[in-house]
Amino acid sequence: MVITYKVEKNLSPEEFIGVLQRTTLGQRRPVSDRTRIQTMLDNADIMMCARDGAKLIGISRAVTDFSYCCYLSDLAVDVAYQKSGIGQELVKRTHETAGHHTKLLLTSVSDAMAFTRRLA
């Protein structure tokens, strides 16, 4: 398995919805509202994507000022790929893109608290 990571500016709503639905995050995002999903994508500052070949398997979507703070609003990894370091790599690369001088802010639901603690 060779995973590639890169910032993608023009991610389609269908790909984003697809990866969300293959995670627990899909239950908490408006996946049935394509227009709202498109707006979420249009207004993100960073969309760090993880792919296995052409398949989108993870995403870190962030809003940042590239100066002081970076709010990681979505961190999603396909359940078939979880526990392999992809989420940690997405967080690391998102923070690098925003700038290590920024404070990275990530809130999570109780289901993801164990993962969030490992990031600290």
N, C-alpha and C. Protein backbone atom coordinates (compact mmCIF):
# COMPACT_ATOMS: atom_id res chain seq x y z
N MET A 1 0.85 -1.18 0.00
CA MET A 1 0.00 0.00 0.00
C MET A 1 0.89 1.24 0.00
N VAL A 2 0.79 2.04 -1.03
CA VAL A 2 1.51 3.30 -1.14
C VAL A 2 0.50 4.43 -1.05
N ILE A 3 0.56 5.17 0.05
CA ILE A 3 -0.36 6.28 0.28
C ILE A 3 0.33 7.57 -0.13
N THR A 4 -0.36 8.39 -0.92
CA THR A 4 0.18 9.70 -1.28
C THR A 4 -0.63 10.78 -0.57
N TYR A 5 0.03 11.86 -0.24
CA TYR A 5 -0.58 13.00 0.46
C TYR A 5 -0.32 14.26 -0.34
N LYS A 6 -1.36 15.08 -0.49
CA LYS A 6 -1.15 16.38 -1.10
C LYS A 6 -2.36 17.27 -0.85
N VAL A 7 -2.11 18.57 -0.93
CA VAL A 7 -3.20 19.55 -0.83
C VAL A 7 -3.93 19.54 -2.16
N GLU A 8 -5.25 19.43 -2.09
CA GLU A 8 -6.08 19.45 -3.29
C GLU A 8 -7.07 20.61 -3.18
N LYS A 9 -7.05 21.46 -4.14
CA LYS A 9 -7.92 22.65 -4.14
C LYS A 9 -9.29 22.39 -4.74
N ASN A 10 -9.38 21.42 -5.65
CA ASN A 10 -10.63 21.23 -6.40
C ASN A 10 -11.24 19.86 -6.15
N LEU A 11 -11.30 19.46 -4.92
CA LEU A 11 -11.92 18.18 -4.57
C LEU A 11 -13.42 18.24 -4.87
N SER A 12 -13.94 17.20 -5.46
CA SER A 12 -15.37 17.20 -5.79
C SER A 12 -16.20 16.89 -4.55
N PRO A 13 -17.41 17.43 -4.49
CA PRO A 13 -18.29 17.11 -3.37
C PRO A 13 -18.54 15.60 -3.27
N GLU A 14 -18.64 14.92 -4.41
CA GLU A 14 -18.91 13.48 -4.39
C GLU A 14 -17.78 12.71 -3.73
N GLU A 15 -16.53 13.09 -4.01
CA GLU A 15 -15.40 12.40 -3.37
C GLU A 15 -15.38 12.68 -1.87
N PHE A 16 -15.63 13.92 -1.51
CA PHE A 16 -15.63 14.29 -0.09
C PHE A 16 -16.74 13.54 0.64
N ILE A 17 -17.93 13.54 0.07
CA ILE A 17 -19.06 12.83 0.67
C ILE A 17 -18.73 11.34 0.78
N GLY A 18 -18.11 10.77 -0.25
CA GLY A 18 -17.76 9.36 -0.24
C GLY A 18 -16.85 8.99 0.91
N VAL A 19 -15.79 9.77 1.11
CA VAL A 19 -14.88 9.46 2.22
C VAL A 19 -15.56 9.70 3.57
N LEU A 20 -16.38 10.74 3.67
CA LEU A 20 -17.11 10.97 4.92
C LEU A 20 -18.02 9.79 5.25
N GLN A 21 -18.67 9.24 4.24
CA GLN A 21 -19.59 8.12 4.47
C GLN A 21 -18.85 6.84 4.84
N ARG A 22 -17.56 6.75 4.54
CA ARG A 22 -16.77 5.58 4.92
C ARG A 22 -16.08 5.79 6.27
N THR A 23 -16.55 6.81 7.00
CA THR A 23 -16.04 7.10 8.35
C THR A 23 -17.23 7.37 9.26
N THR A 24 -16.96 7.51 10.53
CA THR A 24 -18.02 7.88 11.47
C THR A 24 -18.38 9.36 11.35
N LEU A 25 -17.52 10.14 10.72
CA LEU A 25 -17.77 11.57 10.56
C LEU A 25 -18.98 11.85 9.66
N GLY A 26 -19.27 10.93 8.76
CA GLY A 26 -20.41 11.10 7.86
C GLY A 26 -21.73 11.23 8.58
N GLN A 27 -21.81 10.68 9.78
CA GLN A 27 -23.04 10.78 10.58
C GLN A 27 -23.26 12.19 11.12
N ARG A 28 -22.18 13.00 11.14
CA ARG A 28 -22.26 14.34 11.73
C ARG A 28 -22.03 15.46 10.72
N ARG A 29 -22.06 15.13 9.45
CA ARG A 29 -21.89 16.13 8.41
C ARG A 29 -23.08 16.07 7.46
N PRO A 30 -23.38 17.18 6.79
CA PRO A 30 -24.58 17.25 5.93
C PRO A 30 -24.37 16.55 4.57
N VAL A 31 -24.09 15.25 4.60
CA VAL A 31 -23.75 14.52 3.38
C VAL A 31 -24.90 14.45 2.37
N SER A 32 -26.10 14.70 2.79
CA SER A 32 -27.23 14.68 1.85
C SER A 32 -27.48 16.05 1.21
N ASP A 33 -26.70 17.04 1.58
CA ASP A 33 -26.86 18.40 1.06
C ASP A 33 -25.61 18.78 0.24
N ARG A 34 -25.64 18.43 -1.06
CA ARG A 34 -24.47 18.64 -1.92
C ARG A 34 -24.06 20.11 -1.98
N THR A 35 -25.02 21.02 -2.01
CA THR A 35 -24.72 22.45 -2.09
C THR A 35 -23.95 22.90 -0.85
N ARG A 36 -24.37 22.45 0.30
CA ARG A 36 -23.69 22.81 1.54
C ARG A 36 -22.28 22.21 1.59
N ILE A 37 -22.15 20.97 1.14
CA ILE A 37 -20.84 20.33 1.07
C ILE A 37 -19.92 21.13 0.15
N GLN A 38 -20.43 21.55 -1.01
CA GLN A 38 -19.62 22.34 -1.94
C GLN A 38 -19.16 23.63 -1.29
N THR A 39 -20.04 24.28 -0.53
CA THR A 39 -19.67 25.51 0.16
C THR A 39 -18.59 25.23 1.21
N MET A 40 -18.69 24.11 1.90
CA MET A 40 -17.66 23.72 2.87
C MET A 40 -16.31 23.58 2.17
N LEU A 41 -16.30 22.96 1.01
CA LEU A 41 -15.06 22.78 0.26
C LEU A 41 -14.53 24.11 -0.27
N ASP A 42 -15.42 24.94 -0.80
CA ASP A 42 -15.02 26.23 -1.37
C ASP A 42 -14.37 27.14 -0.35
N ASN A 43 -14.79 27.04 0.89
CA ASN A 43 -14.31 27.97 1.92
C ASN A 43 -13.24 27.41 2.82
N ALA A 44 -12.78 26.20 2.56
CA ALA A 44 -11.67 25.64 3.33
C ALA A 44 -10.36 26.26 2.83
N ASP A 45 -9.43 26.49 3.73
CA ASP A 45 -8.12 27.02 3.34
C ASP A 45 -7.15 25.90 2.98
N ILE A 46 -7.28 24.76 3.67
CA ILE A 46 -6.40 23.62 3.40
C ILE A 46 -7.26 22.37 3.32
N MET A 47 -7.06 21.61 2.25
CA MET A 47 -7.67 20.28 2.15
C MET A 47 -6.54 19.30 1.84
N MET A 48 -5.98 18.72 2.89
CA MET A 48 -4.90 17.76 2.75
C MET A 48 -5.53 16.40 2.52
N CYS A 49 -5.23 15.79 1.41
CA CYS A 49 -5.86 14.53 1.03
C CYS A 49 -4.87 13.38 1.07
N ALA A 50 -5.37 12.22 1.43
CA ALA A 50 -4.61 10.98 1.38
C ALA A 50 -5.29 10.08 0.37
N ARG A 51 -4.48 9.50 -0.51
CA ARG A 51 -5.03 8.62 -1.55
C ARG A 51 -4.25 7.32 -1.61
N ASP A 52 -4.99 6.28 -1.87
CA ASP A 52 -4.42 4.98 -2.19
C ASP A 52 -4.68 4.80 -3.69
N GLY A 53 -3.68 5.09 -4.49
CA GLY A 53 -3.90 5.19 -5.94
C GLY A 53 -4.79 6.39 -6.19
N ALA A 54 -5.88 6.20 -6.90
CA ALA A 54 -6.81 7.30 -7.19
C ALA A 54 -7.88 7.44 -6.11
N LYS A 55 -7.99 6.45 -5.22
CA LYS A 55 -9.07 6.45 -4.22
C LYS A 55 -8.75 7.38 -3.06
N LEU A 56 -9.66 8.33 -2.79
CA LEU A 56 -9.55 9.21 -1.63
C LEU A 56 -9.86 8.40 -0.39
N ILE A 57 -8.88 8.30 0.50
CA ILE A 57 -9.07 7.49 1.71
C ILE A 57 -9.00 8.30 2.99
N GLY A 58 -8.63 9.57 2.86
CA GLY A 58 -8.57 10.42 4.05
C GLY A 58 -8.48 11.87 3.67
N ILE A 59 -8.94 12.71 4.59
CA ILE A 59 -8.88 14.16 4.36
C ILE A 59 -8.79 14.90 5.69
N SER A 60 -8.03 15.96 5.65
CA SER A 60 -7.98 16.92 6.74
C SER A 60 -8.39 18.25 6.12
N ARG A 61 -9.52 18.78 6.58
CA ARG A 61 -10.04 20.05 6.04
C ARG A 61 -9.89 21.10 7.12
N ALA A 62 -9.20 22.21 6.79
CA ALA A 62 -8.88 23.20 7.81
C ALA A 62 -9.17 24.62 7.34
N VAL A 63 -9.43 25.47 8.32
CA VAL A 63 -9.59 26.91 8.12
C VAL A 63 -8.47 27.56 8.92
N THR A 64 -7.71 28.44 8.27
CA THR A 64 -6.56 29.04 8.94
C THR A 64 -6.30 30.46 8.46
N ASP A 65 -5.58 31.22 9.29
CA ASP A 65 -5.11 32.54 8.87
C ASP A 65 -3.64 32.47 8.47
N PHE A 66 -3.02 31.28 8.54
CA PHE A 66 -1.62 31.04 8.19
C PHE A 66 -0.67 31.89 9.01
N SER A 67 -1.15 32.41 10.14
CA SER A 67 -0.33 33.28 10.96
C SER A 67 -0.37 32.90 12.43
N TYR A 68 -1.58 32.67 12.94
CA TYR A 68 -1.73 32.42 14.37
C TYR A 68 -2.42 31.10 14.69
N CYS A 69 -3.50 30.80 13.97
CA CYS A 69 -4.24 29.59 14.31
C CYS A 69 -4.68 28.82 13.06
N CYS A 70 -4.91 27.55 13.28
CA CYS A 70 -5.41 26.66 12.22
C CYS A 70 -6.44 25.75 12.87
N TYR A 71 -7.68 25.89 12.46
CA TYR A 71 -8.77 25.08 12.99
C TYR A 71 -8.99 23.89 12.08
N LEU A 72 -8.73 22.72 12.59
CA LEU A 72 -8.93 21.49 11.84
C LEU A 72 -10.38 21.08 12.00
N SER A 73 -11.19 21.41 11.00
CA SER A 73 -12.64 21.21 11.14
C SER A 73 -13.09 19.80 10.78
N ASP A 74 -12.35 19.11 9.91
CA ASP A 74 -12.69 17.73 9.56
C ASP A 74 -11.41 16.91 9.46
N LEU A 75 -11.41 15.77 10.10
CA LEU A 75 -10.34 14.79 9.96
C LEU A 75 -11.03 13.45 9.78
N ALA A 76 -10.93 12.91 8.58
CA ALA A 76 -11.65 11.68 8.26
C ALA A 76 -10.72 10.70 7.56
N VAL A 77 -10.71 9.46 8.03
CA VAL A 77 -9.95 8.38 7.39
C VAL A 77 -10.90 7.20 7.22
N ASP A 78 -10.97 6.71 6.01
CA ASP A 78 -11.77 5.53 5.66
C ASP A 78 -11.52 4.43 6.71
N VAL A 79 -12.58 3.85 7.25
CA VAL A 79 -12.43 2.85 8.32
C VAL A 79 -11.53 1.69 7.90
N ALA A 80 -11.48 1.36 6.62
CA ALA A 80 -10.63 0.27 6.16
C ALA A 80 -9.14 0.61 6.26
N TYR A 81 -8.82 1.89 6.45
CA TYR A 81 -7.43 2.33 6.50
C TYR A 81 -7.04 2.89 7.87
N GLN A 82 -7.96 2.88 8.82
CA GLN A 82 -7.66 3.45 10.13
C GLN A 82 -6.64 2.59 10.88
N LYS A 83 -5.99 3.21 11.84
CA LYS A 83 -4.97 2.60 12.68
C LYS A 83 -3.70 2.26 11.90
N SER A 84 -3.44 3.02 10.84
CA SER A 84 -2.21 2.81 10.08
C SER A 84 -1.38 4.09 9.99
N GLY A 85 -1.71 5.11 10.78
CA GLY A 85 -0.94 6.35 10.83
C GLY A 85 -1.37 7.41 9.84
N ILE A 86 -2.41 7.14 9.06
CA ILE A 86 -2.84 8.10 8.04
C ILE A 86 -3.39 9.37 8.69
N GLY A 87 -4.20 9.24 9.71
CA GLY A 87 -4.75 10.41 10.39
C GLY A 87 -3.65 11.28 10.98
N GLN A 88 -2.68 10.66 11.63
CA GLN A 88 -1.56 11.43 12.20
C GLN A 88 -0.77 12.14 11.12
N GLU A 89 -0.56 11.47 9.99
CA GLU A 89 0.18 12.09 8.89
C GLU A 89 -0.61 13.25 8.29
N LEU A 90 -1.93 13.11 8.17
CA LEU A 90 -2.76 14.20 7.67
C LEU A 90 -2.67 15.42 8.59
N VAL A 91 -2.72 15.19 9.90
CA VAL A 91 -2.61 16.29 10.87
C VAL A 91 -1.25 16.96 10.74
N LYS A 92 -0.20 16.16 10.70
CA LYS A 92 1.17 16.69 10.60
C LYS A 92 1.33 17.55 9.35
N ARG A 93 0.88 17.04 8.22
CA ARG A 93 1.05 17.77 6.96
C ARG A 93 0.15 19.01 6.90
N THR A 94 -1.01 18.94 7.51
CA THR A 94 -1.88 20.13 7.57
C THR A 94 -1.20 21.21 8.38
N HIS A 95 -0.63 20.84 9.51
CA HIS A 95 0.06 21.82 10.35
C HIS A 95 1.27 22.40 9.63
N GLU A 96 2.01 21.57 8.91
CA GLU A 96 3.15 22.08 8.12
C GLU A 96 2.68 23.08 7.07
N THR A 97 1.56 22.79 6.42
CA THR A 97 1.03 23.68 5.38
C THR A 97 0.59 25.01 5.98
N ALA A 98 -0.05 24.97 7.13
CA ALA A 98 -0.50 26.20 7.80
C ALA A 98 0.68 26.98 8.37
N GLY A 99 1.74 26.26 8.72
CA GLY A 99 2.93 26.86 9.35
C GLY A 99 3.03 26.40 10.79
N HIS A 100 4.21 25.91 11.16
CA HIS A 100 4.38 25.40 12.53
C HIS A 100 4.23 26.48 13.58
N HIS A 101 4.30 27.75 13.19
CA HIS A 101 4.09 28.85 14.13
C HIS A 101 2.61 29.01 14.48
N THR A 102 1.72 28.35 13.73
CA THR A 102 0.29 28.43 14.05
C THR A 102 -0.05 27.45 15.16
N LYS A 103 -1.08 27.77 15.87
CA LYS A 103 -1.62 26.86 16.89
C LYS A 103 -2.68 26.01 16.19
N LEU A 104 -2.51 24.69 16.25
CA LEU A 104 -3.45 23.78 15.62
C LEU A 104 -4.56 23.45 16.60
N LEU A 105 -5.80 23.71 16.20
CA LEU A 105 -6.96 23.49 17.05
C LEU A 105 -7.79 22.35 16.48
N LEU A 106 -8.03 21.33 17.29
CA LEU A 106 -8.81 20.18 16.86
C LEU A 106 -9.73 19.78 18.01
N THR A 107 -11.01 19.77 17.73
CA THR A 107 -11.96 19.25 18.70
C THR A 107 -12.47 17.93 18.17
N SER A 108 -12.85 17.05 19.08
CA SER A 108 -13.33 15.75 18.61
C SER A 108 -14.47 15.25 19.48
N VAL A 109 -15.21 14.35 18.92
CA VAL A 109 -16.28 13.70 19.66
C VAL A 109 -15.68 12.59 20.50
N SER A 110 -16.43 12.08 21.44
CA SER A 110 -15.91 11.07 22.37
C SER A 110 -15.38 9.84 21.65
N ASP A 111 -15.96 9.48 20.50
CA ASP A 111 -15.49 8.31 19.74
C ASP A 111 -14.03 8.45 19.33
N ALA A 112 -13.57 9.69 19.12
CA ALA A 112 -12.23 9.92 18.61
C ALA A 112 -11.25 10.41 19.67
N MET A 113 -11.64 10.43 20.92
CA MET A 113 -10.78 10.98 21.96
C MET A 113 -9.46 10.23 22.10
N ALA A 114 -9.45 8.91 21.97
CA ALA A 114 -8.19 8.16 22.08
C ALA A 114 -7.21 8.60 21.00
N PHE A 115 -7.69 8.79 19.78
CA PHE A 115 -6.83 9.25 18.69
C PHE A 115 -6.33 10.67 18.99
N THR A 116 -7.21 11.55 19.43
CA THR A 116 -6.85 12.94 19.70
C THR A 116 -5.79 13.00 20.79
N ARG A 117 -5.90 12.18 21.81
CA ARG A 117 -4.89 12.16 22.89
C ARG A 117 -3.51 11.77 22.35
N ARG A 118 -3.46 10.86 21.39
CA ARG A 118 -2.17 10.43 20.83
C ARG A 118 -1.48 11.55 20.06
N LEU A 119 -2.25 12.53 19.59
CA LEU A 119 -1.67 13.64 18.84
C LEU A 119 -0.94 14.62 19.75
N ALA A 120 -1.31 14.67 21.01
CA ALA A 120 -0.75 15.67 21.93
C ALA A 120 0.72 15.45 22.20
